[in-house]
Amino acid sequence: MKFLSTAAGLLLGVTAFGQDMRSYVTANTVPVATVETTADDYADLAAVGQAIGEARVVMLGEQDHGDGTTFQAKTRLVKYLHEHKGFT
């Protein structure tokens, strides 16, 4: 019985956390206008710049090594970081 109540408590906690996470993501999502690497308007990435603040190190990764769109988005982000945040 103790196991069952612990499992139920964990399940309720996960459900509550999931709802909190959903609210957080909804409140903090900013649309990206494009992943085209030739785009010169970086206004849509300003929120990323604000989140980075004055950090001098930013780690970038990707979910898949074969997805061209991911690399386009990363290239655009690196250009933004270099041109607007002073990363070299």
N, C-alpha and C. Protein backbone atom coordinates (compact mmCIF):
# COMPACT_ATOMS: atom_id res chain seq x y z
N MET A 1 0.83 -1.19 0.00
CA MET A 1 0.00 0.00 0.00
C MET A 1 0.87 1.25 0.00
N LYS A 2 1.99 1.20 0.75
CA LYS A 2 2.89 2.35 0.79
C LYS A 2 3.43 2.65 -0.61
N PHE A 3 3.78 1.57 -1.36
CA PHE A 3 4.28 1.74 -2.72
C PHE A 3 3.23 2.41 -3.60
N LEU A 4 1.98 1.97 -3.47
CA LEU A 4 0.91 2.52 -4.29
C LEU A 4 0.70 4.01 -4.01
N SER A 5 0.74 4.40 -2.75
CA SER A 5 0.55 5.82 -2.44
C SER A 5 1.75 6.64 -2.91
N THR A 6 2.96 6.07 -2.83
CA THR A 6 4.15 6.77 -3.34
C THR A 6 4.06 6.93 -4.85
N ALA A 7 3.66 5.87 -5.55
CA ALA A 7 3.52 5.93 -7.00
C ALA A 7 2.46 6.95 -7.39
N ALA A 8 1.34 6.98 -6.68
CA ALA A 8 0.29 7.94 -6.98
C ALA A 8 0.78 9.36 -6.75
N GLY A 9 1.54 9.56 -5.67
CA GLY A 9 2.10 10.89 -5.39
C GLY A 9 3.06 11.33 -6.47
N LEU A 10 3.90 10.41 -6.94
CA LEU A 10 4.83 10.75 -8.02
C LEU A 10 4.09 11.07 -9.30
N LEU A 11 3.07 10.29 -9.60
CA LEU A 11 2.28 10.52 -10.81
C LEU A 11 1.61 11.89 -10.76
N LEU A 12 1.04 12.23 -9.63
CA LEU A 12 0.41 13.55 -9.49
C LEU A 12 1.45 14.66 -9.60
N GLY A 13 2.62 14.44 -9.03
CA GLY A 13 3.69 15.43 -9.12
C GLY A 13 4.15 15.64 -10.55
N VAL A 14 4.28 14.55 -11.30
CA VAL A 14 4.70 14.65 -12.70
C VAL A 14 3.64 15.39 -13.50
N THR A 15 2.38 15.09 -13.24
CA THR A 15 1.29 15.77 -13.95
C THR A 15 1.31 17.26 -13.63
N ALA A 16 1.50 17.60 -12.38
CA ALA A 16 1.54 19.01 -11.99
C ALA A 16 2.75 19.69 -12.61
N PHE A 17 3.91 19.01 -12.60
CA PHE A 17 5.11 19.58 -13.20
C PHE A 17 4.90 19.78 -14.69
N GLY A 18 4.28 18.81 -15.35
CA GLY A 18 4.01 18.92 -16.77
C GLY A 18 3.15 20.14 -17.08
N GLN A 19 2.17 20.40 -16.25
CA GLN A 19 1.32 21.57 -16.45
C GLN A 19 2.11 22.85 -16.22
N ASP A 20 2.95 22.88 -15.18
CA ASP A 20 3.78 24.05 -14.93
C ASP A 20 4.74 24.27 -16.09
N MET A 21 5.31 23.21 -16.61
CA MET A 21 6.24 23.31 -17.73
C MET A 21 5.52 23.85 -18.96
N ARG A 22 4.32 23.35 -19.20
CA ARG A 22 3.54 23.82 -20.36
C ARG A 22 3.25 25.31 -20.23
N SER A 23 2.89 25.76 -19.05
CA SER A 23 2.61 27.18 -18.83
C SER A 23 3.87 28.01 -19.05
N TYR A 24 4.99 27.52 -18.54
CA TYR A 24 6.26 28.23 -18.70
C TYR A 24 6.62 28.37 -20.18
N VAL A 25 6.53 27.27 -20.90
CA VAL A 25 6.89 27.29 -22.32
C VAL A 25 5.94 28.21 -23.09
N THR A 26 4.66 28.13 -22.80
CA THR A 26 3.69 28.99 -23.48
C THR A 26 3.98 30.47 -23.22
N ALA A 27 4.32 30.79 -21.99
CA ALA A 27 4.57 32.19 -21.62
C ALA A 27 5.90 32.71 -22.15
N ASN A 28 6.84 31.82 -22.45
CA ASN A 28 8.19 32.25 -22.82
C ASN A 28 8.59 31.87 -24.24
N THR A 29 7.65 31.50 -25.07
CA THR A 29 7.94 31.14 -26.45
C THR A 29 7.93 32.39 -27.32
N VAL A 30 8.95 32.52 -28.14
CA VAL A 30 9.05 33.64 -29.08
C VAL A 30 9.21 33.04 -30.47
N PRO A 31 8.36 33.41 -31.41
CA PRO A 31 8.47 32.84 -32.75
C PRO A 31 9.73 33.32 -33.48
N VAL A 32 10.31 32.44 -34.25
CA VAL A 32 11.46 32.77 -35.09
C VAL A 32 10.91 33.03 -36.49
N ALA A 33 11.27 34.18 -37.05
CA ALA A 33 10.70 34.59 -38.34
C ALA A 33 11.17 33.71 -39.49
N THR A 34 12.44 33.34 -39.48
CA THR A 34 12.99 32.56 -40.58
C THR A 34 14.27 31.87 -40.13
N VAL A 35 14.65 30.83 -40.86
CA VAL A 35 15.95 30.19 -40.63
C VAL A 35 16.88 30.46 -41.81
N GLU A 36 16.42 31.27 -42.75
CA GLU A 36 17.24 31.59 -43.91
C GLU A 36 18.52 32.31 -43.48
N THR A 37 19.64 31.80 -43.89
CA THR A 37 20.93 32.35 -43.46
C THR A 37 21.24 33.70 -44.10
N THR A 38 20.52 34.06 -45.15
CA THR A 38 20.76 35.35 -45.80
C THR A 38 19.93 36.48 -45.19
N ALA A 39 19.05 36.15 -44.26
CA ALA A 39 18.21 37.18 -43.63
C ALA A 39 19.08 38.10 -42.77
N ASP A 40 18.90 39.40 -42.95
CA ASP A 40 19.69 40.38 -42.20
C ASP A 40 18.95 40.97 -41.01
N ASP A 41 17.65 40.74 -40.93
CA ASP A 41 16.85 41.27 -39.83
C ASP A 41 16.82 40.24 -38.70
N TYR A 42 17.44 40.59 -37.59
CA TYR A 42 17.55 39.66 -36.46
C TYR A 42 16.62 40.04 -35.32
N ALA A 43 15.60 40.84 -35.59
CA ALA A 43 14.69 41.28 -34.52
C ALA A 43 14.06 40.11 -33.79
N ASP A 44 13.78 39.03 -34.51
CA ASP A 44 13.16 37.87 -33.87
C ASP A 44 14.11 37.14 -32.93
N LEU A 45 15.40 37.40 -33.01
CA LEU A 45 16.37 36.75 -32.13
C LEU A 45 16.75 37.62 -30.94
N ALA A 46 16.13 38.78 -30.81
CA ALA A 46 16.44 39.69 -29.70
C ALA A 46 16.17 39.03 -28.35
N ALA A 47 15.13 38.21 -28.27
CA ALA A 47 14.83 37.52 -27.00
C ALA A 47 15.96 36.56 -26.63
N VAL A 48 16.57 35.94 -27.62
CA VAL A 48 17.72 35.07 -27.36
C VAL A 48 18.87 35.91 -26.81
N GLY A 49 19.11 37.06 -27.42
CA GLY A 49 20.16 37.95 -26.95
C GLY A 49 19.92 38.41 -25.52
N GLN A 50 18.67 38.70 -25.18
CA GLN A 50 18.35 39.10 -23.81
C GLN A 50 18.58 37.95 -22.84
N ALA A 51 18.22 36.74 -23.25
CA ALA A 51 18.41 35.58 -22.39
C ALA A 51 19.90 35.31 -22.16
N ILE A 52 20.72 35.54 -23.17
CA ILE A 52 22.16 35.33 -23.05
C ILE A 52 22.79 36.40 -22.17
N GLY A 53 22.25 37.61 -22.26
CA GLY A 53 22.77 38.70 -21.44
C GLY A 53 24.21 39.00 -21.77
N GLU A 54 25.05 39.05 -20.75
CA GLU A 54 26.47 39.36 -20.92
C GLU A 54 27.35 38.11 -20.92
N ALA A 55 26.74 36.94 -21.06
CA ALA A 55 27.52 35.69 -21.07
C ALA A 55 28.55 35.72 -22.19
N ARG A 56 29.68 35.13 -21.95
CA ARG A 56 30.74 35.08 -22.97
C ARG A 56 30.87 33.69 -23.58
N VAL A 57 30.16 32.72 -23.02
CA VAL A 57 30.19 31.36 -23.55
C VAL A 57 28.74 30.91 -23.74
N VAL A 58 28.44 30.41 -24.92
CA VAL A 58 27.11 29.87 -25.22
C VAL A 58 27.32 28.51 -25.88
N MET A 59 26.65 27.50 -25.38
CA MET A 59 26.76 26.17 -25.96
C MET A 59 25.61 25.94 -26.93
N LEU A 60 25.93 25.49 -28.13
CA LEU A 60 24.92 25.21 -29.14
C LEU A 60 25.01 23.72 -29.50
N GLY A 61 23.88 23.10 -29.62
CA GLY A 61 23.84 21.69 -30.01
C GLY A 61 22.72 21.48 -31.00
N GLU A 62 22.53 20.26 -31.42
CA GLU A 62 21.41 19.95 -32.29
C GLU A 62 20.91 18.55 -31.97
N GLN A 63 19.65 18.32 -32.29
CA GLN A 63 19.04 17.04 -32.01
C GLN A 63 19.43 15.98 -33.02
N ASP A 64 19.73 16.41 -34.23
CA ASP A 64 19.95 15.47 -35.32
C ASP A 64 21.09 15.99 -36.19
N HIS A 65 22.01 15.14 -36.53
CA HIS A 65 23.15 15.57 -37.33
C HIS A 65 22.85 15.59 -38.82
N GLY A 66 21.64 15.21 -39.22
CA GLY A 66 21.33 15.15 -40.64
C GLY A 66 20.22 16.09 -41.07
N ASP A 67 19.83 17.00 -40.21
CA ASP A 67 18.70 17.88 -40.49
C ASP A 67 19.20 19.23 -40.98
N GLY A 68 19.02 19.53 -42.26
CA GLY A 68 19.52 20.76 -42.85
C GLY A 68 18.91 22.02 -42.24
N THR A 69 17.63 21.97 -41.90
CA THR A 69 16.97 23.14 -41.33
C THR A 69 17.59 23.52 -39.99
N THR A 70 17.96 22.52 -39.21
CA THR A 70 18.61 22.80 -37.92
C THR A 70 19.92 23.54 -38.14
N PHE A 71 20.69 23.12 -39.13
CA PHE A 71 21.96 23.79 -39.41
C PHE A 71 21.75 25.20 -39.94
N GLN A 72 20.70 25.41 -40.72
CA GLN A 72 20.38 26.77 -41.18
C GLN A 72 20.06 27.66 -39.99
N ALA A 73 19.22 27.16 -39.09
CA ALA A 73 18.85 27.94 -37.91
C ALA A 73 20.07 28.23 -37.06
N LYS A 74 20.94 27.24 -36.89
CA LYS A 74 22.14 27.45 -36.08
C LYS A 74 23.08 28.45 -36.75
N THR A 75 23.22 28.38 -38.06
CA THR A 75 24.07 29.33 -38.78
C THR A 75 23.55 30.75 -38.59
N ARG A 76 22.24 30.92 -38.70
CA ARG A 76 21.65 32.25 -38.50
C ARG A 76 21.89 32.73 -37.07
N LEU A 77 21.74 31.83 -36.10
CA LEU A 77 21.97 32.19 -34.70
C LEU A 77 23.43 32.57 -34.46
N VAL A 78 24.35 31.83 -35.03
CA VAL A 78 25.78 32.15 -34.88
C VAL A 78 26.08 33.51 -35.50
N LYS A 79 25.50 33.80 -36.66
CA LYS A 79 25.69 35.11 -37.28
C LYS A 79 25.17 36.22 -36.37
N TYR A 80 24.00 36.01 -35.78
CA TYR A 80 23.44 36.98 -34.84
C TYR A 80 24.37 37.19 -33.64
N LEU A 81 24.83 36.09 -33.07
CA LEU A 81 25.72 36.19 -31.91
C LEU A 81 27.00 36.93 -32.25
N HIS A 82 27.53 36.70 -33.42
CA HIS A 82 28.76 37.37 -33.85
C HIS A 82 28.52 38.85 -34.12
N GLU A 83 27.49 39.15 -34.90
CA GLU A 83 27.26 40.52 -35.34
C GLU A 83 26.64 41.42 -34.27
N HIS A 84 25.84 40.84 -33.36
CA HIS A 84 25.11 41.68 -32.41
C HIS A 84 25.50 41.49 -30.95
N LYS A 85 26.15 40.38 -30.64
CA LYS A 85 26.52 40.13 -29.25
C LYS A 85 28.03 40.07 -29.05
N GLY A 86 28.80 40.23 -30.13
CA GLY A 86 30.25 40.30 -30.02
C GLY A 86 30.97 38.98 -29.87
N PHE A 87 30.30 37.88 -30.15
CA PHE A 87 30.98 36.58 -30.08
C PHE A 87 31.91 36.43 -31.27
N THR A 88 33.05 35.81 -31.03
CA THR A 88 34.02 35.60 -32.11
C THR A 88 34.34 34.13 -32.27
